[in-house]
Each structure stands twice: as C-alpha cells, then as structure tokens.
C-alpha cells in the first residue's frame, strides 16, 4: 500500500515546485563550417565538426 501524505501542500508551494518543470528553449546556431543549424558545444550533424558557441 502507498503512503499517505501527512500535511497538505498549498497551491503556492506546489506551484513553486512545478515552476522548475517548464521546458527550456533550445539554442540553435549556424555551423561556421557548413552553415547548417546546430546546437552549441556539440558535433554538427552534417559535417561532424564541433560547433563552439561565441557571443
């Protein structure tokens, strides 16, 4: 049998906990070698080279 919660969780407490579950936006930049879209600090899908992120 499952455990029973001892205390009630308020709406604000639950909301603050769930605020961390939101999806984060992915950063996609152009590969400097082949100009295809790629994620920073990962290998490019098209050319296989590592894409470095610079601001």
N, C-alpha and C. Protein backbone atom coordinates (compact mmCIF):
# COMPACT_ATOMS: atom_id res chain seq x y z
N UNK A 1 0.84 -1.19 0.00
CA UNK A 1 0.00 0.00 0.00
C UNK A 1 0.88 1.25 0.00
N UNK A 2 0.38 2.27 -0.62
CA UNK A 2 1.14 3.51 -0.73
C UNK A 2 1.03 4.33 0.55
N UNK A 3 2.01 5.20 0.76
CA UNK A 3 1.99 6.08 1.92
C UNK A 3 0.96 7.20 1.75
N UNK A 4 0.51 7.73 2.88
CA UNK A 4 -0.49 8.80 2.89
C UNK A 4 0.22 10.09 3.27
N UNK A 5 -0.03 11.21 2.52
CA UNK A 5 0.60 12.47 2.89
C UNK A 5 0.12 12.96 4.26
N UNK A 6 1.06 13.39 5.09
CA UNK A 6 0.71 13.82 6.44
C UNK A 6 0.20 15.26 6.42
N UNK A 7 0.84 16.13 5.64
CA UNK A 7 0.47 17.54 5.61
C UNK A 7 -0.08 17.93 4.24
N UNK A 8 -0.92 18.97 4.22
CA UNK A 8 -1.49 19.50 2.98
C UNK A 8 -0.45 20.38 2.29
N UNK A 9 -0.35 20.29 0.96
CA UNK A 9 0.56 21.14 0.19
C UNK A 9 -0.26 22.27 -0.41
N UNK A 10 0.08 23.51 -0.07
CA UNK A 10 -0.67 24.65 -0.59
C UNK A 10 -0.45 24.84 -2.09
N UNK A 11 -1.32 25.61 -2.73
CA UNK A 11 -1.22 25.85 -4.17
C UNK A 11 0.08 26.56 -4.51
N UNK A 12 0.50 27.50 -3.65
CA UNK A 12 1.74 28.23 -3.94
C UNK A 12 2.96 27.32 -3.80
N UNK A 13 2.93 26.44 -2.83
CA UNK A 13 4.05 25.52 -2.64
C UNK A 13 4.18 24.57 -3.83
N UNK A 14 3.04 24.06 -4.28
CA UNK A 14 3.04 23.16 -5.43
C UNK A 14 3.48 23.92 -6.69
N UNK A 15 3.00 25.17 -6.84
CA UNK A 15 3.37 25.98 -8.00
C UNK A 15 4.84 26.30 -8.04
N UNK A 16 5.44 26.60 -6.88
CA UNK A 16 6.87 26.87 -6.83
C UNK A 16 7.68 25.63 -7.19
N UNK A 17 7.22 24.47 -6.77
CA UNK A 17 7.91 23.24 -7.11
C UNK A 17 7.80 22.95 -8.60
N UNK A 18 6.62 23.15 -9.17
CA UNK A 18 6.40 22.84 -10.58
C UNK A 18 6.98 23.90 -11.52
N UNK A 19 7.39 25.04 -11.01
CA UNK A 19 7.95 26.08 -11.87
C UNK A 19 9.26 25.63 -12.51
N UNK A 20 9.93 24.65 -11.92
CA UNK A 20 11.18 24.15 -12.47
C UNK A 20 10.95 23.12 -13.57
N UNK A 21 9.71 22.71 -13.80
CA UNK A 21 9.41 21.68 -14.79
C UNK A 21 9.18 22.25 -16.19
N UNK A 22 9.19 23.57 -16.32
CA UNK A 22 8.92 24.19 -17.61
C UNK A 22 10.03 23.84 -18.61
N UNK A 23 9.67 23.72 -19.88
CA UNK A 23 10.64 23.40 -20.92
C UNK A 23 11.53 24.60 -21.21
N UNK A 24 12.79 24.36 -21.39
CA UNK A 24 13.75 25.42 -21.72
C UNK A 24 13.88 25.52 -23.24
N UNK A 25 14.05 26.74 -23.73
CA UNK A 25 14.22 26.95 -25.16
C UNK A 25 15.61 26.51 -25.60
N UNK A 26 15.69 25.74 -26.67
CA UNK A 26 16.97 25.27 -27.19
C UNK A 26 17.64 26.38 -28.01
N UNK A 27 18.96 26.50 -27.86
CA UNK A 27 19.72 27.48 -28.63
C UNK A 27 20.27 26.78 -29.87
N UNK A 28 19.91 27.29 -31.04
CA UNK A 28 20.39 26.73 -32.30
C UNK A 28 21.14 27.82 -33.05
N UNK A 29 22.37 27.54 -33.42
CA UNK A 29 23.18 28.49 -34.17
C UNK A 29 23.61 27.85 -35.48
N UNK A 30 24.13 28.66 -36.38
CA UNK A 30 24.61 28.14 -37.66
C UNK A 30 26.03 27.60 -37.49
N UNK A 31 26.27 26.45 -38.05
CA UNK A 31 27.61 25.86 -38.02
C UNK A 31 28.55 26.76 -38.83
N UNK A 32 29.71 27.14 -38.27
CA UNK A 32 30.61 28.03 -39.00
C UNK A 32 31.27 27.38 -40.22
N UNK A 33 31.22 26.06 -40.31
CA UNK A 33 31.87 25.36 -41.42
C UNK A 33 30.91 25.09 -42.58
N UNK A 34 29.71 24.54 -42.26
CA UNK A 34 28.79 24.18 -43.35
C UNK A 34 27.50 24.99 -43.33
N UNK A 35 27.35 25.88 -42.35
CA UNK A 35 26.19 26.80 -42.24
C UNK A 35 24.86 26.10 -41.99
N UNK A 36 24.87 24.86 -41.57
CA UNK A 36 23.62 24.18 -41.23
C UNK A 36 23.31 24.45 -39.76
N UNK A 37 22.04 24.39 -39.35
CA UNK A 37 21.71 24.64 -37.95
C UNK A 37 22.27 23.55 -37.04
N UNK A 38 22.85 23.96 -35.91
CA UNK A 38 23.46 23.01 -34.99
C UNK A 38 23.36 23.58 -33.58
N UNK A 39 23.45 22.69 -32.59
CA UNK A 39 23.44 23.12 -31.20
C UNK A 39 24.87 23.39 -30.75
N UNK A 40 25.09 24.41 -29.90
CA UNK A 40 26.44 24.74 -29.47
C UNK A 40 27.05 23.64 -28.59
N UNK A 41 28.36 23.51 -28.65
CA UNK A 41 29.15 22.55 -27.87
C UNK A 41 28.82 21.10 -28.21
N UNK A 42 28.30 20.86 -29.40
CA UNK A 42 28.01 19.51 -29.86
C UNK A 42 28.49 19.36 -31.30
N UNK A 43 28.65 18.15 -31.73
CA UNK A 43 29.10 17.91 -33.10
C UNK A 43 27.98 18.24 -34.07
N UNK A 44 28.32 18.84 -35.19
CA UNK A 44 27.36 19.16 -36.23
C UNK A 44 26.88 17.87 -36.89
N UNK A 45 25.60 17.80 -37.19
CA UNK A 45 25.03 16.60 -37.79
C UNK A 45 25.51 16.43 -39.23
N UNK A 46 25.67 17.53 -39.96
CA UNK A 46 26.03 17.47 -41.37
C UNK A 46 27.52 17.18 -41.59
N UNK A 47 28.39 17.99 -40.95
CA UNK A 47 29.82 17.86 -41.23
C UNK A 47 30.60 17.13 -40.14
N UNK A 48 30.04 16.96 -38.95
CA UNK A 48 30.68 16.22 -37.88
C UNK A 48 31.68 16.99 -37.06
N UNK A 49 31.86 18.27 -37.33
CA UNK A 49 32.81 19.06 -36.55
C UNK A 49 32.12 19.64 -35.31
N UNK A 50 32.92 19.98 -34.30
CA UNK A 50 32.39 20.53 -33.07
C UNK A 50 32.08 22.01 -33.28
N UNK A 51 30.87 22.41 -32.87
CA UNK A 51 30.44 23.80 -33.01
C UNK A 51 30.68 24.50 -31.70
N UNK A 52 31.44 25.59 -31.70
CA UNK A 52 31.70 26.35 -30.49
C UNK A 52 30.77 27.55 -30.44
N UNK A 53 30.28 27.86 -29.26
CA UNK A 53 29.34 28.94 -29.07
C UNK A 53 30.09 30.19 -28.64
N UNK A 54 29.99 31.27 -29.41
CA UNK A 54 30.60 32.55 -29.05
C UNK A 54 29.56 33.63 -29.18
N UNK A 55 29.55 34.52 -28.20
CA UNK A 55 28.58 35.64 -28.22
C UNK A 55 29.17 36.84 -28.88
